[in-house]
C-alpha atoms as a PDB file:
ATOM      1  CA  UNK A   1       0.000   0.000   0.000  1.00  0.00           C
ATOM      2  CA  UNK A   2       2.854   2.393   0.779  1.00  0.00           C
ATOM      3  CA  UNK A   3       4.384   1.808  -2.685  1.00  0.00           C
ATOM      4  CA  UNK A   4       0.982   2.398  -4.272  1.00  0.00           C
ATOM      5  CA  UNK A   5       0.469   5.650  -2.360  1.00  0.00           C
ATOM      6  CA  UNK A   6       3.950   6.813  -3.337  1.00  0.00           C
ATOM      7  CA  UNK A   7       3.207   6.249  -7.038  1.00  0.00           C
ATOM      8  CA  UNK A   8      -0.355   7.589  -6.997  1.00  0.00           C
ATOM      9  CA  UNK A   9       0.053  10.372  -4.463  1.00  0.00           C
ATOM     10  CA  UNK A  10      -1.745  13.053  -6.497  1.00  0.00           C
ATOM     11  CA  UNK A  11      -4.991  13.207  -8.449  1.00  0.00           C
ATOM     12  CA  UNK A  12      -3.001  14.058 -11.571  1.00  0.00           C
ATOM     13  CA  UNK A  13      -0.953  10.839 -11.356  1.00  0.00           C
ATOM     14  CA  UNK A  14      -4.186   8.844 -11.011  1.00  0.00           C
ATOM     15  CA  UNK A  15      -5.772  10.618 -13.993  1.00  0.00           C
ATOM     16  CA  UNK A  16      -2.651   9.985 -16.090  1.00  0.00           C
ATOM     17  CA  UNK A  17      -2.882   6.257 -15.345  1.00  0.00           C
ATOM     18  CA  UNK A  18      -6.583   6.161 -16.206  1.00  0.00           C
ATOM     19  CA  UNK A  19      -5.853   8.057 -19.426  1.00  0.00           C
ATOM     20  CA  UNK A  20      -3.238   5.453 -20.409  1.00  0.00           C
ATOM     21  CA  UNK A  21      -5.811   2.694 -19.848  1.00  0.00           C
ATOM     22  CA  UNK A  22      -8.592   4.422 -21.805  1.00  0.00           C
ATOM     23  CA  UNK A  23      -6.452   5.504 -24.748  1.00  0.00           C
ATOM     24  CA  UNK A  24      -3.362   3.265 -24.858  1.00  0.00           C
ATOM     25  CA  UNK A  25      -2.511   4.536 -28.361  1.00  0.00           C
ATOM     26  CA  UNK A  26      -3.241   8.162 -27.539  1.00  0.00           C
ATOM     27  CA  UNK A  27      -6.363  10.285 -27.120  1.00  0.00           C
ATOM     28  CA  UNK A  28      -8.659  10.732 -30.126  1.00  0.00           C
ATOM     29  CA  UNK A  29     -11.366  13.388 -30.078  1.00  0.00           C
ATOM     30  CA  UNK A  30     -14.842  11.757 -30.203  1.00  0.00           C
ATOM     31  CA  UNK A  31     -16.204  14.739 -32.141  1.00  0.00           C
ATOM     32  CA  UNK A  32     -13.726  15.206 -34.988  1.00  0.00           C
ATOM     33  CA  UNK A  33     -11.330  12.224 -34.616  1.00  0.00           C
ATOM     34  CA  UNK A  34      -8.354  14.552 -34.195  1.00  0.00           C
ATOM     35  CA  UNK A  35      -5.479  12.873 -32.329  1.00  0.00           C
ATOM     36  CA  UNK A  36      -3.965  16.049 -30.937  1.00  0.00           C
ATOM     37  CA  UNK A  37      -5.082  17.583 -27.644  1.00  0.00           C
ATOM     38  CA  UNK A  38      -3.867  19.456 -24.632  1.00  0.00           C
ATOM     39  CA  UNK A  39      -4.711  19.066 -20.976  1.00  0.00           C
ATOM     40  CA  UNK A  40      -6.423  21.875 -19.082  1.00  0.00           C
ATOM     41  CA  UNK A  41      -5.655  22.625 -15.436  1.00  0.00           C
ATOM     42  CA  UNK A  42      -8.916  21.021 -14.349  1.00  0.00           C
ATOM     43  CA  UNK A  43      -7.831  17.730 -15.932  1.00  0.00           C
ATOM     44  CA  UNK A  44     -10.013  17.997 -19.046  1.00  0.00           C
ATOM     45  CA  UNK A  45      -8.701  16.894 -22.444  1.00  0.00           C
ATOM     46  CA  UNK A  46      -9.159  19.688 -25.013  1.00  0.00           C
ATOM     47  CA  UNK A  47      -9.088  18.993 -28.745  1.00  0.00           C
ATOM     48  CA  UNK A  48      -6.732  21.315 -30.650  1.00  0.00           C
ATOM     49  CA  UNK A  49      -9.114  21.484 -33.647  1.00  0.00           C
ATOM     50  CA  UNK A  50     -12.725  21.649 -32.426  1.00  0.00           C
ATOM     51  CA  UNK A  51     -11.931  22.584 -28.803  1.00  0.00           C
ATOM     52  CA  UNK A  52     -14.137  19.726 -27.547  1.00  0.00           C
ATOM     53  CA  UNK A  53     -13.560  19.111 -23.848  1.00  0.00           C
ATOM     54  CA  UNK A  54     -13.729  15.684 -22.253  1.00  0.00           C
ATOM     55  CA  UNK A  55     -13.201  14.554 -18.708  1.00  0.00           C
ATOM     56  CA  UNK A  56     -10.802  11.636 -18.368  1.00  0.00           C
ATOM     57  CA  UNK A  57     -13.147   9.884 -15.936  1.00  0.00           C
ATOM     58  CA  UNK A  58     -16.383  10.607 -17.838  1.00  0.00           C
ATOM     59  CA  UNK A  59     -18.025   7.385 -18.979  1.00  0.00           C
ATOM     60  CA  UNK A  60     -16.297   5.264 -16.318  1.00  0.00           C
ATOM     61  CA  UNK A  61     -17.382   4.082 -12.875  1.00  0.00           C
ATOM     62  CA  UNK A  62     -15.448   7.067 -11.458  1.00  0.00           C
ATOM     63  CA  UNK A  63     -17.765   9.579 -13.142  1.00  0.00           C
ATOM     64  CA  UNK A  64     -19.430  12.030 -10.723  1.00  0.00           C
ATOM     65  CA  UNK A  65     -17.584  10.563  -7.737  1.00  0.00           C
ATOM     66  CA  UNK A  66     -16.880  12.845  -4.811  1.00  0.00           C
ATOM     67  CA  UNK A  67     -14.190  10.516  -3.523  1.00  0.00           C
ATOM     68  CA  UNK A  68     -10.636  11.394  -4.659  1.00  0.00           C
ATOM     69  CA  UNK A  69      -9.157   9.058  -7.257  1.00  0.00           C
ATOM     70  CA  UNK A  70      -6.176   8.277  -5.012  1.00  0.00           C
ATOM     71  CA  UNK A  71      -8.656   6.896  -2.441  1.00  0.00           C
ATOM     72  CA  UNK A  72     -10.294   4.847  -5.211  1.00  0.00           C
ATOM     73  CA  UNK A  73      -6.884   3.457  -6.174  1.00  0.00           C
ATOM     74  CA  UNK A  74      -6.206   2.507  -2.549  1.00  0.00           C
ATOM     75  CA  UNK A  75      -9.624   0.829  -2.371  1.00  0.00           C
ATOM     76  CA  UNK A  76      -8.956  -1.194  -5.542  1.00  0.00           C
ATOM     77  CA  UNK A  77      -5.527  -2.240  -4.275  1.00  0.00           C
ATOM     78  CA  UNK A  78      -6.922  -3.330  -0.917  1.00  0.00           C
ATOM     79  CA  UNK A  79      -9.854  -5.051  -2.588  1.00  0.00           C
ATOM     80  CA  UNK A  80      -7.638  -7.135  -4.897  1.00  0.00           C
ATOM     81  CA  UNK A  81      -5.047  -7.919  -2.214  1.00  0.00           C
ATOM     82  CA  UNK A  82      -7.517  -9.469   0.226  1.00  0.00           C
ATOM     83  CA  UNK A  83      -7.807 -13.128  -0.729  1.00  0.00           C
ATOM     84  CA  UNK A  84     -11.187 -13.594   0.936  1.00  0.00           C
ATOM     85  CA  UNK A  85     -12.796 -10.289   0.022  1.00  0.00           C
ATOM     86  CA  UNK A  86     -13.565  -7.075   1.870  1.00  0.00           C
ATOM     87  CA  UNK A  87     -16.647  -5.944   3.767  1.00  0.00           C
ATOM     88  CA  UNK A  88     -17.883  -2.345   3.587  1.00  0.00           C
ATOM     89  CA  UNK A  89     -17.034  -1.871   7.280  1.00  0.00           C
ATOM     90  CA  UNK A  90     -13.516  -3.189   6.711  1.00  0.00           C
ATOM     91  CA  UNK A  91     -12.965  -0.890   3.729  1.00  0.00           C
ATOM     92  CA  UNK A  92     -14.358   2.067   5.666  1.00  0.00           C
ATOM     93  CA  UNK A  93     -11.821   1.489   8.433  1.00  0.00           C
ATOM     94  CA  UNK A  94      -8.858   0.999   6.092  1.00  0.00           C
ATOM     95  CA  UNK A  95      -9.568   4.127   4.040  1.00  0.00           C
ATOM     96  CA  UNK A  96     -10.753   6.238   6.964  1.00  0.00           C
ATOM     97  CA  UNK A  97     -14.076   7.050   5.311  1.00  0.00           C
ATOM     98  CA  UNK A  98     -16.608   8.887   7.434  1.00  0.00           C
ATOM     99  CA  UNK A  99     -19.655   6.834   6.586  1.00  0.00           C
ATOM    100  CA  UNK A 100     -20.620   3.273   5.749  1.00  0.00           C
ATOM    101  CA  UNK A 101     -22.535   4.106   2.548  1.00  0.00           C
ATOM    102  CA  UNK A 102     -19.550   5.459   0.529  1.00  0.00           C
ATOM    103  CA  UNK A 103     -17.588   2.243   1.199  1.00  0.00           C
ATOM    104  CA  UNK A 104     -20.644   0.100   0.407  1.00  0.00           C
ATOM    105  CA  UNK A 105     -21.233   1.911  -2.901  1.00  0.00           C
ATOM    106  CA  UNK A 106     -17.554   1.721  -3.873  1.00  0.00           C
ATOM    107  CA  UNK A 107     -17.547  -2.042  -3.337  1.00  0.00           C
ATOM    108  CA  UNK A 108     -20.692  -2.565  -5.401  1.00  0.00           C
ATOM    109  CA  UNK A 109     -19.261  -0.471  -8.233  1.00  0.00           C
ATOM    110  CA  UNK A 110     -16.063  -2.529  -8.163  1.00  0.00           C
ATOM    111  CA  UNK A 111     -18.032  -5.780  -8.146  1.00  0.00           C
ATOM    112  CA  UNK A 112     -19.937  -4.556 -11.210  1.00  0.00           C
ATOM    113  CA  UNK A 113     -16.598  -3.779 -12.880  1.00  0.00           C
ATOM    114  CA  UNK A 114     -15.377  -7.339 -12.265  1.00  0.00           C
ATOM    115  CA  UNK A 115     -17.526  -8.484 -15.184  1.00  0.00           C
ATOM    116  CA  UNK A 116     -15.282  -7.821 -18.158  1.00  0.00           C
ATOM    117  CA  UNK A 117     -17.216  -6.413 -21.148  1.00  0.00           C
ATOM    118  CA  UNK A 118     -17.388  -9.047 -23.888  1.00  0.00           C
ATOM    119  CA  UNK A 119     -15.801 -11.757 -21.769  1.00  0.00           C
ATOM    120  CA  UNK A 120     -15.537 -15.208 -23.326  1.00  0.00           C
ATOM    121  CA  UNK A 121     -18.133 -17.877 -22.653  1.00  0.00           C
ATOM    122  CA  UNK A 122     -17.146 -21.165 -21.037  1.00  0.00           C
ATOM    123  CA  UNK A 123     -16.333 -23.941 -23.506  1.00  0.00           C
ATOM    124  CA  UNK A 124     -15.443 -27.603 -23.703  1.00  0.00           C
ATOM    125  CA  UNK A 125     -16.953 -29.896 -21.092  1.00  0.00           C
ATOM    126  CA  UNK A 126     -18.790 -28.051 -18.315  1.00  0.00           C
ATOM    127  CA  UNK A 127     -20.506 -29.275 -15.172  1.00  0.00           C
ATOM    128  CA  UNK A 128     -23.748 -27.399 -14.446  1.00  0.00           C
ATOM    129  CA  UNK A 129     -25.909 -27.564 -11.337  1.00  0.00           C
ATOM    130  CA  UNK A 130     -28.020 -25.419  -9.012  1.00  0.00           C
ATOM    131  CA  UNK A 131     -27.882 -24.956  -5.242  1.00  0.00           C
ATOM    132  CA  UNK A 132     -29.266 -22.777  -2.479  1.00  0.00           C
ATOM    133  CA  UNK A 133     -26.855 -20.317  -0.869  1.00  0.00           C
ATOM    134  CA  UNK A 134     -27.323 -17.740   1.872  1.00  0.00           C
ATOM    135  CA  UNK A 135     -28.126 -17.616   5.555  1.00  0.00           C
ATOM    136  CA  UNK A 136     -31.076 -18.898   7.515  1.00  0.00           C
ATOM    137  CA  UNK A 137     -34.306 -17.553   6.019  1.00  0.00           C
ATOM    138  CA  UNK A 138     -32.336 -15.793   3.280  1.00  0.00           C
ATOM    139  CA  UNK A 139     -31.558 -18.603   0.857  1.00  0.00           C
ATOM    140  CA  UNK A 140     -31.516 -18.066  -2.906  1.00  0.00           C
ATOM    141  CA  UNK A 141     -31.219 -20.515  -5.791  1.00  0.00           C
ATOM    142  CA  UNK A 142     -27.990 -20.101  -7.750  1.00  0.00           C
ATOM    143  CA  UNK A 143     -26.868 -21.636 -11.042  1.00  0.00           C
ATOM    144  CA  UNK A 144     -23.225 -22.756 -11.162  1.00  0.00           C
ATOM    145  CA  UNK A 145     -21.143 -23.780 -14.178  1.00  0.00           C
ATOM    146  CA  UNK A 146     -17.567 -25.080 -13.919  1.00  0.00           C
ATOM    147  CA  UNK A 147     -15.233 -26.054 -16.746  1.00  0.00           C
ATOM    148  CA  UNK A 148     -13.714 -29.530 -16.520  1.00  0.00           C
ATOM    149  CA  UNK A 149      -9.920 -29.352 -16.789  1.00  0.00           C
ATOM    150  CA  UNK A 150      -8.695 -32.893 -16.241  1.00  0.00           C
ATOM    151  CA  UNK A 151      -9.295 -33.589 -12.571  1.00  0.00           C
ATOM    152  CA  UNK A 152      -9.295 -29.879 -11.827  1.00  0.00           C
ATOM    153  CA  UNK A 153     -11.593 -26.880 -12.306  1.00  0.00           C
ATOM    154  CA  UNK A 154     -11.217 -24.299 -15.043  1.00  0.00           C
ATOM    155  CA  UNK A 155     -13.217 -21.072 -15.182  1.00  0.00           C
ATOM    156  CA  UNK A 156     -16.590 -20.739 -13.496  1.00  0.00           C
ATOM    157  CA  UNK A 157     -19.798 -18.710 -13.869  1.00  0.00           C
ATOM    158  CA  UNK A 158     -22.530 -18.129 -11.301  1.00  0.00           C
ATOM    159  CA  UNK A 159     -25.904 -16.378 -11.294  1.00  0.00           C
ATOM    160  CA  UNK A 160     -29.051 -16.199  -9.200  1.00  0.00           C
ATOM    161  CA  UNK A 161     -31.938 -18.207 -10.679  1.00  0.00           C
ATOM    162  CA  UNK A 162     -35.700 -17.734 -10.462  1.00  0.00           C
ATOM    163  CA  UNK A 163     -36.305 -21.487 -10.450  1.00  0.00           C
ATOM    164  CA  UNK A 164     -35.360 -24.893 -11.823  1.00  0.00           C
ATOM    165  CA  UNK A 165     -37.517 -24.809 -14.951  1.00  0.00           C
ATOM    166  CA  UNK A 166     -36.065 -25.579 -18.394  1.00  0.00           C
ATOM    167  CA  UNK A 167     -36.465 -21.920 -19.316  1.00  0.00           C
ATOM    168  CA  UNK A 168     -34.500 -20.720 -16.272  1.00  0.00           C
ATOM    169  CA  UNK A 169     -31.679 -23.229 -16.675  1.00  0.00           C
ATOM    170  CA  UNK A 170     -31.374 -22.861 -20.443  1.00  0.00           C
ATOM    171  CA  UNK A 171     -31.227 -19.088 -20.082  1.00  0.00           C
ATOM    172  CA  UNK A 172     -28.315 -19.474 -17.674  1.00  0.00           C
ATOM    173  CA  UNK A 173     -26.522 -21.948 -19.952  1.00  0.00           C
ATOM    174  CA  UNK A 174     -26.970 -19.872 -23.134  1.00  0.00           C
ATOM    175  CA  UNK A 175     -25.671 -16.760 -21.381  1.00  0.00           C
ATOM    176  CA  UNK A 176     -22.452 -18.287 -20.075  1.00  0.00           C
ATOM    177  CA  UNK A 177     -21.622 -21.360 -22.203  1.00  0.00           C
ATOM    178  CA  UNK A 178     -20.737 -21.409 -25.904  1.00  0.00           C
ATOM    179  CA  UNK A 179     -22.887 -23.540 -28.260  1.00  0.00           C
ATOM    180  CA  UNK A 180     -21.478 -26.969 -29.074  1.00  0.00           C
ATOM    181  CA  UNK A 181     -20.079 -27.447 -25.581  1.00  0.00           C
ATOM    182  CA  UNK A 182     -20.845 -30.557 -23.555  1.00  0.00           C
ATOM    183  CA  UNK A 183     -23.145 -29.923 -20.588  1.00  0.00           C
ATOM    184  CA  UNK A 184     -22.604 -32.411 -17.751  1.00  0.00           C
ATOM    185  CA  UNK A 185     -25.556 -32.505 -15.317  1.00  0.00           C
ATOM    186  CA  UNK A 186     -27.348 -34.693 -12.835  1.00  0.00           C
ATOM    187  CA  UNK A 187     -30.659 -36.275 -13.846  1.00  0.00           C
ATOM    188  CA  UNK A 188     -32.896 -33.237 -13.472  1.00  0.00           C
ATOM    189  CA  UNK A 189     -35.427 -33.355 -16.328  1.00  0.00           C
ATOM    190  CA  UNK A 190     -35.211 -29.610 -16.907  1.00  0.00           C
ATOM    191  CA  UNK A 191     -31.797 -30.104 -18.531  1.00  0.00           C
ATOM    192  CA  UNK A 192     -33.223 -32.291 -21.302  1.00  0.00           C
ATOM    193  CA  UNK A 193     -33.779 -29.146 -23.399  1.00  0.00           C
ATOM    194  CA  UNK A 194     -30.085 -28.347 -23.888  1.00  0.00           C
ATOM    195  CA  UNK A 195     -29.578 -30.651 -26.904  1.00  0.00           C
ATOM    196  CA  UNK A 196     -32.269 -28.825 -28.888  1.00  0.00           C
ATOM    197  CA  UNK A 197     -30.436 -25.584 -28.106  1.00  0.00           C
ATOM    198  CA  UNK A 198     -27.233 -26.765 -29.766  1.00  0.00           C
ATOM    199  CA  UNK A 199     -25.355 -28.350 -26.864  1.00  0.00           C
ATOM    200  CA  UNK A 200     -24.213 -31.891 -26.185  1.00  0.00           C
ATOM    201  CA  UNK A 201     -25.814 -33.291 -23.039  1.00  0.00           C
ATOM    202  CA  UNK A 202     -24.126 -35.736 -20.721  1.00  0.00           C
ATOM    203  CA  UNK A 203     -26.452 -36.568 -17.807  1.00  0.00           C
ATOM    204  CA  UNK A 204     -24.662 -38.532 -15.089  1.00  0.00           C
ATOM    205  CA  UNK A 205     -27.836 -40.500 -14.406  1.00  0.00           C
ATOM    206  CA  UNK A 206     -31.128 -41.025 -16.191  1.00  0.00           C
ATOM    207  CA  UNK A 207     -33.607 -38.117 -16.071  1.00  0.00           C
ATOM    208  CA  UNK A 208     -35.856 -38.236 -13.044  1.00  0.00           C
ATOM    209  CA  UNK A 209     -38.380 -36.045 -11.232  1.00  0.00           C
ATOM    210  CA  UNK A 210     -36.437 -33.754  -8.914  1.00  0.00           C
ATOM    211  CA  UNK A 211     -35.822 -34.985  -5.374  1.00  0.00           C
ATOM    212  CA  UNK A 212     -34.647 -32.564  -2.714  1.00  0.00           C
ATOM    213  CA  UNK A 213     -32.367 -35.191  -1.233  1.00  0.00           C
ATOM    214  CA  UNK A 214     -29.750 -36.379  -3.703  1.00  0.00           C
ATOM    215  CA  UNK A 215     -26.980 -38.221  -1.794  1.00  0.00           C
ATOM    216  CA  UNK A 216     -24.921 -38.851  -4.933  1.00  0.00           C
ATOM    217  CA  UNK A 217     -24.672 -35.184  -5.992  1.00  0.00           C
ATOM    218  CA  UNK A 218     -21.043 -34.630  -4.896  1.00  0.00           C
ATOM    219  CA  UNK A 219     -19.857 -37.769  -6.700  1.00  0.00           C
ATOM    220  CA  UNK A 220     -21.849 -37.015  -9.858  1.00  0.00           C
ATOM    221  CA  UNK A 221     -20.603 -33.423 -10.220  1.00  0.00           C
ATOM    222  CA  UNK A 222     -17.499 -33.080  -8.022  1.00  0.00           C
ATOM    223  CA  UNK A 223     -16.166 -29.829  -9.514  1.00  0.00           C
ATOM    224  CA  UNK A 224     -19.350 -27.795  -9.433  1.00  0.00           C
ATOM    225  CA  UNK A 225     -20.121 -28.998  -5.913  1.00  0.00           C
ATOM    226  CA  UNK A 226     -16.633 -28.007  -4.816  1.00  0.00           C
ATOM    227  CA  UNK A 227     -17.356 -24.501  -6.103  1.00  0.00           C
ATOM    228  CA  UNK A 228     -20.730 -24.449  -4.320  1.00  0.00           C
ATOM    229  CA  UNK A 229     -19.061 -25.475  -1.063  1.00  0.00           C
ATOM    230  CA  UNK A 230     -16.407 -22.770  -1.445  1.00  0.00           C
ATOM    231  CA  UNK A 231     -18.855 -19.961  -2.222  1.00  0.00           C
ATOM    232  CA  UNK A 232     -21.021 -20.882   0.776  1.00  0.00           C
ATOM    233  CA  UNK A 233     -17.956 -20.849   3.040  1.00  0.00           C
ATOM    234  CA  UNK A 234     -16.783 -17.561   1.506  1.00  0.00           C
ATOM    235  CA  UNK A 235     -20.129 -15.812   2.018  1.00  0.00           C
ATOM    236  CA  UNK A 236     -20.259 -17.037   5.598  1.00  0.00           C
ATOM    237  CA  UNK A 237     -16.644 -16.189   6.428  1.00  0.00           C
ATOM    238  CA  UNK A 238     -16.359 -12.787   4.737  1.00  0.00           C
ATOM    239  CA  UNK A 239     -19.893 -11.467   5.099  1.00  0.00           C
ATOM    240  CA  UNK A 240     -21.185 -13.685   7.933  1.00  0.00           C
ATOM    241  CA  UNK A 241     -23.874 -14.881   5.524  1.00  0.00           C
ATOM    242  CA  UNK A 242     -25.588 -11.479   5.713  1.00  0.00           C
ATOM    243  CA  UNK A 243     -25.655 -10.688   2.032  1.00  0.00           C
ATOM    244  CA  UNK A 244     -28.834  -8.967   0.874  1.00  0.00           C
ATOM    245  CA  UNK A 245     -30.511 -11.260  -1.624  1.00  0.00           C
ATOM    246  CA  UNK A 246     -31.217  -8.402  -4.049  1.00  0.00           C
ATOM    247  CA  UNK A 247     -27.428  -7.892  -4.344  1.00  0.00           C
ATOM    248  CA  UNK A 248     -26.469 -11.583  -4.410  1.00  0.00           C
ATOM    249  CA  UNK A 249     -25.377 -11.500  -8.074  1.00  0.00           C
ATOM    250  CA  UNK A 250     -22.946  -8.724  -7.168  1.00  0.00           C
ATOM    251  CA  UNK A 251     -21.290 -10.918  -4.541  1.00  0.00           C
ATOM    252  CA  UNK A 252     -21.247 -13.874  -6.938  1.00  0.00           C
ATOM    253  CA  UNK A 253     -19.447 -11.675  -9.490  1.00  0.00           C
ATOM    254  CA  UNK A 254     -16.776 -10.957  -6.912  1.00  0.00           C
ATOM    255  CA  UNK A 255     -16.337 -14.625  -6.019  1.00  0.00           C
ATOM    256  CA  UNK A 256     -16.126 -15.549  -9.720  1.00  0.00           C
ATOM    257  CA  UNK A 257     -13.470 -12.876 -10.375  1.00  0.00           C
ATOM    258  CA  UNK A 258     -11.374 -14.087  -7.450  1.00  0.00           C
ATOM    259  CA  UNK A 259     -11.805 -17.798  -8.223  1.00  0.00           C
ATOM    260  CA  UNK A 260     -10.943 -17.466 -11.923  1.00  0.00           C
ATOM    261  CA  UNK A 261      -7.726 -15.636 -10.983  1.00  0.00           C
ATOM    262  CA  UNK A 262      -6.811 -17.801  -7.993  1.00  0.00           C
ATOM    263  CA  UNK A 263      -3.531 -18.917  -9.571  1.00  0.00           C
ATOM    264  CA  UNK A 264      -2.317 -15.375 -10.260  1.00  0.00           C
ATOM    265  CA  UNK A 265       0.804 -14.578  -8.254  1.00  0.00           C
ATOM    266  CA  UNK A 266       0.770 -10.882  -9.129  1.00  0.00           C
ATOM    267  CA  UNK A 267      -1.424  -8.594  -7.031  1.00  0.00           C
ATOM    268  CA  UNK A 268      -0.264  -5.716  -9.224  1.00  0.00           C
ATOM    269  CA  UNK A 269      -1.712  -7.412 -12.306  1.00  0.00           C
ATOM    270  CA  UNK A 270      -5.081  -7.931 -10.563  1.00  0.00           C
ATOM    271  CA  UNK A 271      -5.055  -4.247  -9.576  1.00  0.00           C
ATOM    272  CA  UNK A 272      -4.306  -3.288 -13.192  1.00  0.00           C
ATOM    273  CA  UNK A 273      -7.023  -5.605 -14.560  1.00  0.00           C
ATOM    274  CA  UNK A 274      -9.720  -4.302 -12.236  1.00  0.00           C
ATOM    275  CA  UNK A 275      -8.792  -0.726 -13.090  1.00  0.00           C
ATOM    276  CA  UNK A 276      -9.002  -1.628 -16.789  1.00  0.00           C
ATOM    277  CA  UNK A 277     -12.489  -3.052 -16.292  1.00  0.00           C
ATOM    278  CA  UNK A 278     -13.501  -0.018 -14.194  1.00  0.00           C
ATOM    279  CA  UNK A 279     -12.484   2.321 -16.991  1.00  0.00           C
ATOM    280  CA  UNK A 280     -14.312   0.225 -19.610  1.00  0.00           C
ATOM    281  CA  UNK A 281     -17.571   0.080 -17.633  1.00  0.00           C
ATOM    282  CA  UNK A 282     -20.185   2.795 -18.020  1.00  0.00           C
ATOM    283  CA  UNK A 283     -21.096   4.823 -14.910  1.00  0.00           C
ATOM    284  CA  UNK A 284     -22.808   2.842 -12.139  1.00  0.00           C
ATOM    285  CA  UNK A 285     -25.095   4.870  -9.864  1.00  0.00           C
ATOM    286  CA  UNK A 286     -26.746   3.763  -6.627  1.00  0.00           C
ATOM    287  CA  UNK A 287     -30.112   3.822  -8.389  1.00  0.00           C
ATOM    288  CA  UNK A 288     -28.764   1.662 -11.213  1.00  0.00           C
ATOM    289  CA  UNK A 289     -27.373  -0.898  -8.765  1.00  0.00           C
ATOM    290  CA  UNK A 290     -30.704  -1.105  -6.957  1.00  0.00           C
ATOM    291  CA  UNK A 291     -32.666  -1.271 -10.235  1.00  0.00           C
ATOM    292  CA  UNK A 292     -30.381  -3.889 -11.775  1.00  0.00           C
ATOM    293  CA  UNK A 293     -30.705  -6.230  -8.819  1.00  0.00           C
END
């Protein structure tokens, strides 16, 4: 953190870094496509031809923020360095923020940024299942997909589901898994629709009417059930299981980001990646977060 603060001590140094992420080959005016500009004292980019002015943080999750960029950078560094995640109260204490809401909003904006625009779908052979996660009286059904990589687990995707119908499950599969992939499931009849949608289906047992108690689930789908076990433990350990169900997808995004980069040995690269995604994402307001979820 001290090295980070030394490098990004001023707002100008933070803006310069964001500018390099937004326009790696140099700024181009959105109005006239001129590639020459100068920087005003207030940090705006000014086109030398049409005099169009553009804020470096406009159109990113930092737009309209009242929190200094150097505090944002510290938050992103802390967020990516903590292996098990960060609570709003923990971030508030680390950054010395006055209230709980600014830290809470920052975290939700960063979780939204963890979904890379245009990210690749899962491919190959993928285990898919559903499970309930959450605390007592606050359980939600979640779809989980995990790539099979030998005996290990590749990338994962997770999302809250409305139910176990064919429509719900196929919607989840089509969103996160590329056509032609092999879908490995248990015997839930709702998965029988995947072949008509252009996937190969590999049920680990014959289709049956759903039973709440399925003692063979862990053996049938070991990878996806490992992920389910980990996310339950993570939600309980980091957030004491007190995640609001309307924001569950946001927490699942965070877990997915961390899990898919679990082998990365460079915290600096994770910091850089999350900043890249933050710059690429359109502004995220409190109202938008509440509406989206």
